[in-house]
Amino acid sequence: MTRLRRIGLAMAVTGLLAMTPGAVLADSANHSYLLVAEEANIGTAPSGDTIHITCESGEGVCGSFAVNPKSIDARGEFQHFLPDGSLFAQGTWTATQLISYQSYGCGEVFGQPIPPDLCGGEVKFAATFSTPIGELSGTITVFCVVGPKAPASIEHAFTEGVTVLVPGIVNFNHPGGGDNIYVQTS
């Protein structure tokens, strides 16, 4: 998805949130976010295998997460591709526990201003993968380069994406590209 399209979707979501009752949007230190990803976010394994993580039904919003206290309600689909590009497995994922969220900040991407409720960072959560061989437990980390505190090693949008670890099965330990955003709702 292009950055412009992603910002348009986030602005539409923000507009809808503005119409919700004030108590939902109360100012507090307990921040909540929508996890938005209209296109696949990719992770790459050392073997060359890739995993594509998307939101359920392709609607663009995977779900939401909050910090202090930690919570997450998100789900989507995955496709695991072999190095030759052939589909190896596919299924669904469901977040089960927010492990951590490291904010990079809001309102800017690579020094350019964007709406102040559009945020980036590294969100890491436990997930259950429903696969052709049964349910597997793993960890998904989503990287979004928005914010003034993005690590110095991030130089371009291809640093966005995911890492996925399914212990004893596979480790997609390098983000391989993607396009996502965290919309701060409170």
Protein backbone atom coordinates (compact mmCIF):
# COMPACT_ATOMS: atom_id res chain seq x y z
CA MET A 1 0.00 0.00 0.00
CA THR A 2 1.32 3.44 -0.71
CA ARG A 3 2.04 5.80 2.14
CA LEU A 4 -0.69 8.15 0.85
CA ARG A 5 -3.28 5.37 0.88
CA ARG A 6 -2.22 4.30 4.37
CA ILE A 7 -2.48 7.87 5.65
CA GLY A 8 -5.92 8.20 3.98
CA LEU A 9 -7.16 5.05 5.72
CA ALA A 10 -5.78 6.20 9.04
CA MET A 11 -7.43 9.61 8.64
CA ALA A 12 -10.77 7.92 7.88
CA VAL A 13 -10.42 5.75 10.98
CA THR A 14 -9.52 8.85 13.00
CA GLY A 15 -12.64 10.59 11.70
CA LEU A 16 -14.81 7.69 12.81
CA LEU A 17 -13.17 7.71 16.22
CA ALA A 18 -13.91 11.41 16.59
CA MET A 19 -17.61 10.53 16.49
CA THR A 20 -17.35 8.09 19.42
CA PRO A 21 -18.34 9.13 22.95
CA GLY A 22 -15.78 11.24 24.83
CA ALA A 23 -15.23 8.65 27.56
CA VAL A 24 -13.71 6.29 25.03
CA LEU A 25 -11.16 8.92 23.99
CA ALA A 26 -10.39 10.24 27.49
CA ASP A 27 -6.88 11.62 27.89
CA SER A 28 -4.74 9.30 30.01
CA ALA A 29 -1.32 7.66 30.16
CA ASN A 30 -2.93 4.40 29.04
CA HIS A 31 -2.44 4.54 25.29
CA SER A 32 -4.48 2.44 22.86
CA TYR A 33 -3.80 1.86 19.17
CA LEU A 34 -5.35 0.30 16.09
CA LEU A 35 -2.97 -2.00 14.21
CA VAL A 36 -3.53 -1.19 10.53
CA ALA A 37 -1.99 -3.12 7.63
CA GLU A 38 -3.86 -3.20 4.31
CA GLU A 39 -1.09 -5.11 2.56
CA ALA A 40 1.11 -8.03 3.51
CA ASN A 41 3.93 -7.44 5.96
CA ILE A 42 6.80 -9.78 5.20
CA GLY A 43 9.36 -11.64 7.27
CA THR A 44 12.34 -13.50 5.80
CA ALA A 45 14.10 -16.60 7.16
CA PRO A 46 17.83 -17.33 6.62
CA SER A 47 16.76 -20.15 4.26
CA GLY A 48 15.06 -17.64 1.95
CA ASP A 49 11.56 -18.68 3.02
CA THR A 50 9.19 -15.76 3.54
CA ILE A 51 6.02 -15.26 5.53
CA HIS A 52 3.34 -12.78 4.58
CA ILE A 53 1.21 -11.54 7.50
CA THR A 54 -2.09 -9.82 6.69
CA CYS A 55 -5.19 -8.67 8.53
CA GLU A 56 -8.24 -10.89 8.70
CA SER A 57 -10.45 -10.54 5.62
CA GLY A 58 -8.08 -7.96 4.15
CA GLU A 59 -10.04 -5.10 5.73
CA GLY A 60 -6.88 -3.28 6.78
CA VAL A 61 -7.42 -3.26 10.54
CA CYS A 62 -5.91 -6.29 12.28
CA GLY A 63 -7.26 -5.21 15.65
CA SER A 64 -6.10 -3.13 18.58
CA PHE A 65 -3.56 -3.12 21.37
CA ALA A 66 -3.04 -1.08 24.52
CA VAL A 67 -0.21 -0.38 26.90
CA ASN A 68 -0.42 0.14 30.66
CA PRO A 69 -2.09 -2.30 31.14
CA LYS A 70 -0.97 -4.49 28.24
CA SER A 71 -3.68 -6.00 26.05
CA ILE A 72 -4.16 -7.05 22.45
CA ASP A 73 -7.07 -8.20 20.30
CA ALA A 74 -5.85 -8.86 16.76
CA ARG A 75 -6.02 -11.55 14.11
CA GLY A 76 -5.25 -12.20 10.48
CA GLU A 77 -3.91 -14.59 7.90
CA PHE A 78 -0.47 -15.82 6.93
CA GLN A 79 1.13 -17.41 3.88
CA HIS A 80 4.49 -19.20 4.09
CA PHE A 81 6.42 -19.24 0.81
CA LEU A 82 9.50 -21.32 -0.06
CA PRO A 83 12.57 -19.63 -1.63
CA ASP A 84 11.32 -20.55 -5.12
CA GLY A 85 8.09 -18.60 -4.44
CA SER A 86 5.83 -21.63 -4.12
CA LEU A 87 3.22 -21.60 -1.37
CA PHE A 88 4.19 -23.99 1.43
CA ALA A 89 1.47 -23.34 4.00
CA GLN A 90 -1.25 -20.88 4.86
CA GLY A 91 -3.64 -20.30 7.70
CA THR A 92 -4.68 -17.80 10.32
CA TRP A 93 -3.06 -16.17 13.33
CA THR A 94 -4.61 -14.86 16.53
CA ALA A 95 -2.79 -12.64 19.01
CA THR A 96 -2.86 -14.10 22.52
CA GLN A 97 -0.70 -11.72 24.61
CA LEU A 98 1.01 -8.36 24.16
CA ILE A 99 4.65 -8.87 25.09
CA SER A 100 5.99 -5.36 24.50
CA TYR A 101 5.55 -2.12 22.62
CA GLN A 102 8.52 0.16 21.93
CA SER A 103 7.16 3.42 20.55
CA TYR A 104 9.13 5.36 17.94
CA GLY A 105 6.73 8.30 18.38
CA CYS A 106 3.96 9.81 16.28
CA GLY A 107 3.33 12.49 13.69
CA GLU A 108 6.39 12.16 11.49
CA VAL A 109 7.98 9.79 9.00
CA PHE A 110 11.60 10.34 7.91
CA GLY A 111 11.33 13.95 9.10
CA GLN A 112 8.12 14.71 7.21
CA PRO A 113 5.03 15.69 9.25
CA ILE A 114 1.96 13.44 9.15
CA PRO A 115 -1.20 13.48 11.31
CA PRO A 116 -0.27 13.37 15.02
CA ASP A 117 -2.24 10.19 15.79
CA LEU A 118 -0.25 8.11 13.29
CA CYS A 119 2.45 6.29 15.24
CA GLY A 120 5.22 3.78 14.76
CA GLY A 121 7.32 1.41 16.75
CA GLU A 122 7.91 -2.24 17.45
CA VAL A 123 4.92 -4.21 18.75
CA LYS A 124 5.68 -7.78 19.86
CA PHE A 125 2.99 -10.30 20.74
CA ALA A 126 2.43 -14.00 21.29
CA ALA A 127 0.19 -15.62 18.70
CA THR A 128 -1.47 -18.90 17.87
CA PHE A 129 -1.10 -20.03 14.26
CA SER A 130 -3.81 -22.30 12.84
CA THR A 131 -1.91 -24.33 10.23
CA PRO A 132 -2.46 -27.42 8.07
CA ILE A 133 -0.60 -29.45 10.74
CA GLY A 134 -2.55 -28.02 13.68
CA GLU A 135 -2.19 -25.09 16.04
CA LEU A 136 1.30 -23.74 16.72
CA SER A 137 2.43 -21.09 19.19
CA GLY A 138 4.79 -18.33 18.17
CA THR A 139 5.71 -14.69 18.35
CA ILE A 140 5.03 -11.90 15.85
CA THR A 141 6.87 -8.58 15.94
CA VAL A 142 5.55 -5.78 13.70
CA PHE A 143 7.90 -2.92 12.77
CA CYS A 144 6.57 0.49 11.70
CA VAL A 145 9.08 3.24 10.85
CA VAL A 146 6.82 6.20 11.74
CA GLY A 147 8.05 8.54 14.47
CA PRO A 148 11.06 10.68 15.33
CA LYS A 149 12.61 7.94 17.49
CA ALA A 150 12.92 5.27 14.79
CA PRO A 151 16.31 3.52 15.16
CA ALA A 152 19.19 4.97 13.14
CA SER A 153 19.47 1.66 11.25
CA ILE A 154 16.08 2.30 9.65
CA GLU A 155 16.71 4.00 6.33
CA HIS A 156 13.72 3.17 4.16
CA ALA A 157 10.26 1.62 4.11
CA PHE A 158 11.66 -1.87 3.50
CA THR A 159 12.73 -1.95 7.12
CA GLU A 160 9.02 -2.19 7.91
CA GLY A 161 7.54 -5.64 8.06
CA VAL A 162 7.49 -8.45 10.58
CA THR A 163 9.57 -11.08 12.25
CA VAL A 164 7.88 -14.36 13.16
CA LEU A 165 9.26 -17.08 15.40
CA VAL A 166 7.62 -20.49 15.70
CA PRO A 167 10.02 -22.32 18.06
CA GLY A 168 11.34 -25.58 16.67
CA ILE A 169 9.71 -24.93 13.28
CA VAL A 170 10.95 -21.73 11.63
CA ASN A 171 12.39 -18.30 12.43
CA PHE A 172 11.61 -15.46 10.02
CA ASN A 173 14.13 -13.20 11.74
CA HIS A 174 14.44 -10.33 9.24
CA PRO A 175 11.72 -7.84 8.27
CA GLY A 176 11.24 -8.15 4.52
CA GLY A 177 9.05 -5.15 3.77
CA GLY A 178 5.52 -4.12 4.35
CA ASP A 179 3.33 -1.18 5.12
CA ASN A 180 1.60 -0.71 8.44
CA ILE A 181 0.66 2.00 10.91
CA TYR A 182 -0.50 2.28 14.51
CA VAL A 183 -3.37 4.75 14.94
CA GLN A 184 -3.42 6.13 18.48
CA THR A 185 -7.00 6.10 19.75
CA SER A 186 -6.37 7.20 23.33
